[in-house]
Amino acid sequence: MEFEKDGCLLRIFVGENDRAHGRPLYEWLVEEAQRQGLAGATVVRGIMGFGKKSRIHTARILRLSTDLPVIVELVDTRDRLEAYLDSVEREIKEGLATLEKADVRFYR
């Protein structure tokens, strides 16, 4: 697959305990991205964070959280990412999604 230089980065911030179709939401999001033929996806587990409800989630031993932040990062063209987001948004009950321009240097 050839990839144009002007790409886009979609970040979806969710919790590791969020679910879709009986499994982790982040897993479902990546598999859906692959099914739709997107260029790539990565899941990053955070060690600390908070969201709209301002509740701190942390991996610190004294405040062990069972719902750490997870970021699903996807790269493709803006149009393809917009279509993907439209198709998965209903499954994201809590979270944040951002889109930004990405200057793709190589895709191999």
C-alpha atoms as a PDB file:
ATOM      1  CA  MET A   1       0.000   0.000   0.000  1.00  0.00           C
ATOM      2  CA  GLU A   2       1.374   3.379  -0.981  1.00  0.00           C
ATOM      3  CA  PHE A   3       0.817   6.188   1.463  1.00  0.00           C
ATOM      4  CA  GLU A   4       0.677   9.878   0.735  1.00  0.00           C
ATOM      5  CA  LYS A   5       2.886  12.315   2.650  1.00  0.00           C
ATOM      6  CA  ASP A   6      -0.062  14.285   4.044  1.00  0.00           C
ATOM      7  CA  GLY A   7      -1.561  11.812   6.451  1.00  0.00           C
ATOM      8  CA  CYS A   8      -3.611  12.130   9.582  1.00  0.00           C
ATOM      9  CA  LEU A   9      -3.300  10.788  13.133  1.00  0.00           C
ATOM     10  CA  LEU A  10      -6.377   9.761  15.085  1.00  0.00           C
ATOM     11  CA  ARG A  11      -5.994   9.270  18.825  1.00  0.00           C
ATOM     12  CA  ILE A  12      -8.772   7.648  20.825  1.00  0.00           C
ATOM     13  CA  PHE A  13      -8.417   7.889  24.613  1.00  0.00           C
ATOM     14  CA  VAL A  14     -10.368   5.262  26.565  1.00  0.00           C
ATOM     15  CA  GLY A  15     -10.033   3.175  29.722  1.00  0.00           C
ATOM     16  CA  GLU A  16      -8.541  -0.300  29.714  1.00  0.00           C
ATOM     17  CA  ASN A  17     -11.765  -1.701  31.223  1.00  0.00           C
ATOM     18  CA  ASP A  18     -14.015  -0.231  28.510  1.00  0.00           C
ATOM     19  CA  ARG A  19     -15.690  -2.981  26.499  1.00  0.00           C
ATOM     20  CA  ALA A  20     -17.263  -3.498  23.083  1.00  0.00           C
ATOM     21  CA  HIS A  21     -18.864  -6.688  21.835  1.00  0.00           C
ATOM     22  CA  GLY A  22     -17.770  -8.606  24.933  1.00  0.00           C
ATOM     23  CA  ARG A  23     -14.054  -7.745  24.777  1.00  0.00           C
ATOM     24  CA  PRO A  24     -11.715  -4.828  25.470  1.00  0.00           C
ATOM     25  CA  LEU A  25     -12.706  -1.738  23.485  1.00  0.00           C
ATOM     26  CA  TYR A  26      -9.122  -0.994  22.434  1.00  0.00           C
ATOM     27  CA  GLU A  27      -8.806  -4.501  20.979  1.00  0.00           C
ATOM     28  CA  TRP A  28     -12.064  -4.158  19.082  1.00  0.00           C
ATOM     29  CA  LEU A  29     -11.004  -0.728  17.750  1.00  0.00           C
ATOM     30  CA  VAL A  30      -7.720  -2.099  16.369  1.00  0.00           C
ATOM     31  CA  GLU A  31      -9.381  -5.120  14.800  1.00  0.00           C
ATOM     32  CA  GLU A  32     -12.018  -2.884  13.228  1.00  0.00           C
ATOM     33  CA  ALA A  33      -9.259  -0.626  11.845  1.00  0.00           C
ATOM     34  CA  GLN A  34      -7.556  -3.650  10.306  1.00  0.00           C
ATOM     35  CA  ARG A  35     -10.863  -4.892   8.889  1.00  0.00           C
ATOM     36  CA  GLN A  36     -11.400  -1.497   7.248  1.00  0.00           C
ATOM     37  CA  GLY A  37      -7.894  -1.577   5.754  1.00  0.00           C
ATOM     38  CA  LEU A  38      -6.406   1.381   7.613  1.00  0.00           C
ATOM     39  CA  ALA A  39      -2.650   1.918   7.325  1.00  0.00           C
ATOM     40  CA  GLY A  40      -1.793   1.174  10.952  1.00  0.00           C
ATOM     41  CA  ALA A  41      -2.783   1.204  14.607  1.00  0.00           C
ATOM     42  CA  THR A  42      -0.980   1.067  17.950  1.00  0.00           C
ATOM     43  CA  VAL A  43      -2.316   0.759  21.498  1.00  0.00           C
ATOM     44  CA  VAL A  44      -0.439   2.533  24.289  1.00  0.00           C
ATOM     45  CA  ARG A  45      -1.224   1.887  27.964  1.00  0.00           C
ATOM     46  CA  GLY A  46      -0.816   4.928  30.166  1.00  0.00           C
ATOM     47  CA  ILE A  47       0.594   4.886  33.669  1.00  0.00           C
ATOM     48  CA  MET A  48      -1.473   7.832  34.879  1.00  0.00           C
ATOM     49  CA  GLY A  49      -4.234  10.108  33.652  1.00  0.00           C
ATOM     50  CA  PHE A  50      -7.679  11.599  34.127  1.00  0.00           C
ATOM     51  CA  GLY A  51     -10.598  12.423  31.906  1.00  0.00           C
ATOM     52  CA  LYS A  52     -13.871  14.311  31.871  1.00  0.00           C
ATOM     53  CA  LYS A  53     -14.856  13.150  35.363  1.00  0.00           C
ATOM     54  CA  SER A  54     -11.457  14.307  36.762  1.00  0.00           C
ATOM     55  CA  ARG A  55     -10.865  11.000  38.539  1.00  0.00           C
ATOM     56  CA  ILE A  56      -7.151  10.095  38.635  1.00  0.00           C
ATOM     57  CA  HIS A  57      -6.214   6.669  37.271  1.00  0.00           C
ATOM     58  CA  THR A  58      -2.694   5.578  38.162  1.00  0.00           C
ATOM     59  CA  ALA A  59      -0.412   2.555  38.244  1.00  0.00           C
ATOM     60  CA  ARG A  60       1.285   3.725  41.456  1.00  0.00           C
ATOM     61  CA  ILE A  61       1.452   0.921  43.976  1.00  0.00           C
ATOM     62  CA  LEU A  62      -0.420   2.797  46.725  1.00  0.00           C
ATOM     63  CA  ARG A  63      -3.265   3.828  44.395  1.00  0.00           C
ATOM     64  CA  LEU A  64      -3.473   0.830  42.130  1.00  0.00           C
ATOM     65  CA  SER A  65      -6.096   1.472  39.469  1.00  0.00           C
ATOM     66  CA  THR A  66      -7.865  -1.267  37.603  1.00  0.00           C
ATOM     67  CA  ASP A  67      -8.803   1.093  34.780  1.00  0.00           C
ATOM     68  CA  LEU A  68      -5.645   2.712  33.410  1.00  0.00           C
ATOM     69  CA  PRO A  69      -5.774   5.063  30.423  1.00  0.00           C
ATOM     70  CA  VAL A  70      -5.353   3.529  26.974  1.00  0.00           C
ATOM     71  CA  ILE A  71      -4.613   5.421  23.763  1.00  0.00           C
ATOM     72  CA  VAL A  72      -5.397   3.878  20.391  1.00  0.00           C
ATOM     73  CA  GLU A  73      -3.388   5.667  17.703  1.00  0.00           C
ATOM     74  CA  LEU A  74      -4.313   5.200  14.045  1.00  0.00           C
ATOM     75  CA  VAL A  75      -2.670   6.651  10.946  1.00  0.00           C
ATOM     76  CA  ASP A  76      -4.169   7.013   7.478  1.00  0.00           C
ATOM     77  CA  THR A  77      -5.712   9.737   5.341  1.00  0.00           C
ATOM     78  CA  ARG A  78      -8.131  12.139   6.994  1.00  0.00           C
ATOM     79  CA  ASP A  79     -11.061  10.898   4.890  1.00  0.00           C
ATOM     80  CA  ARG A  80     -10.461   7.244   5.812  1.00  0.00           C
ATOM     81  CA  LEU A  81     -10.037   8.083   9.508  1.00  0.00           C
ATOM     82  CA  GLU A  82     -13.218  10.180   9.519  1.00  0.00           C
ATOM     83  CA  ALA A  83     -15.127   7.253   7.977  1.00  0.00           C
ATOM     84  CA  TYR A  84     -13.600   4.864  10.523  1.00  0.00           C
ATOM     85  CA  LEU A  85     -14.492   7.157  13.432  1.00  0.00           C
ATOM     86  CA  ASP A  86     -18.061   7.451  12.172  1.00  0.00           C
ATOM     87  CA  SER A  87     -18.332   3.656  12.138  1.00  0.00           C
ATOM     88  CA  VAL A  88     -16.949   3.065  15.666  1.00  0.00           C
ATOM     89  CA  GLU A  89     -18.108   6.125  17.606  1.00  0.00           C
ATOM     90  CA  ARG A  90     -21.311   4.489  18.867  1.00  0.00           C
ATOM     91  CA  GLU A  91     -19.222   1.901  20.760  1.00  0.00           C
ATOM     92  CA  ILE A  92     -17.193   4.532  22.649  1.00  0.00           C
ATOM     93  CA  LYS A  93     -19.334   5.368  25.674  1.00  0.00           C
ATOM     94  CA  GLU A  94     -16.648   7.461  27.452  1.00  0.00           C
ATOM     95  CA  GLY A  95     -13.450   8.870  26.048  1.00  0.00           C
ATOM     96  CA  LEU A  96     -11.895  11.453  23.772  1.00  0.00           C
ATOM     97  CA  ALA A  97     -10.941  11.412  20.107  1.00  0.00           C
ATOM     98  CA  THR A  98      -8.550  13.838  18.397  1.00  0.00           C
ATOM     99  CA  LEU A  99      -7.435  14.221  14.792  1.00  0.00           C
ATOM    100  CA  GLU A 100      -4.260  15.976  13.704  1.00  0.00           C
ATOM    101  CA  LYS A 101      -2.198  16.369  10.575  1.00  0.00           C
ATOM    102  CA  ALA A 102       0.664  13.899  10.253  1.00  0.00           C
ATOM    103  CA  ASP A 103       3.646  14.420   7.952  1.00  0.00           C
ATOM    104  CA  VAL A 104       4.311  10.801   6.936  1.00  0.00           C
ATOM    105  CA  ARG A 105       8.047  10.329   6.328  1.00  0.00           C
ATOM    106  CA  PHE A 106       7.885   6.664   5.309  1.00  0.00           C
ATOM    107  CA  TYR A 107       5.534   3.700   5.438  1.00  0.00           C
ATOM    108  CA  ARG A 108       7.269   0.387   4.874  1.00  0.00           C
END
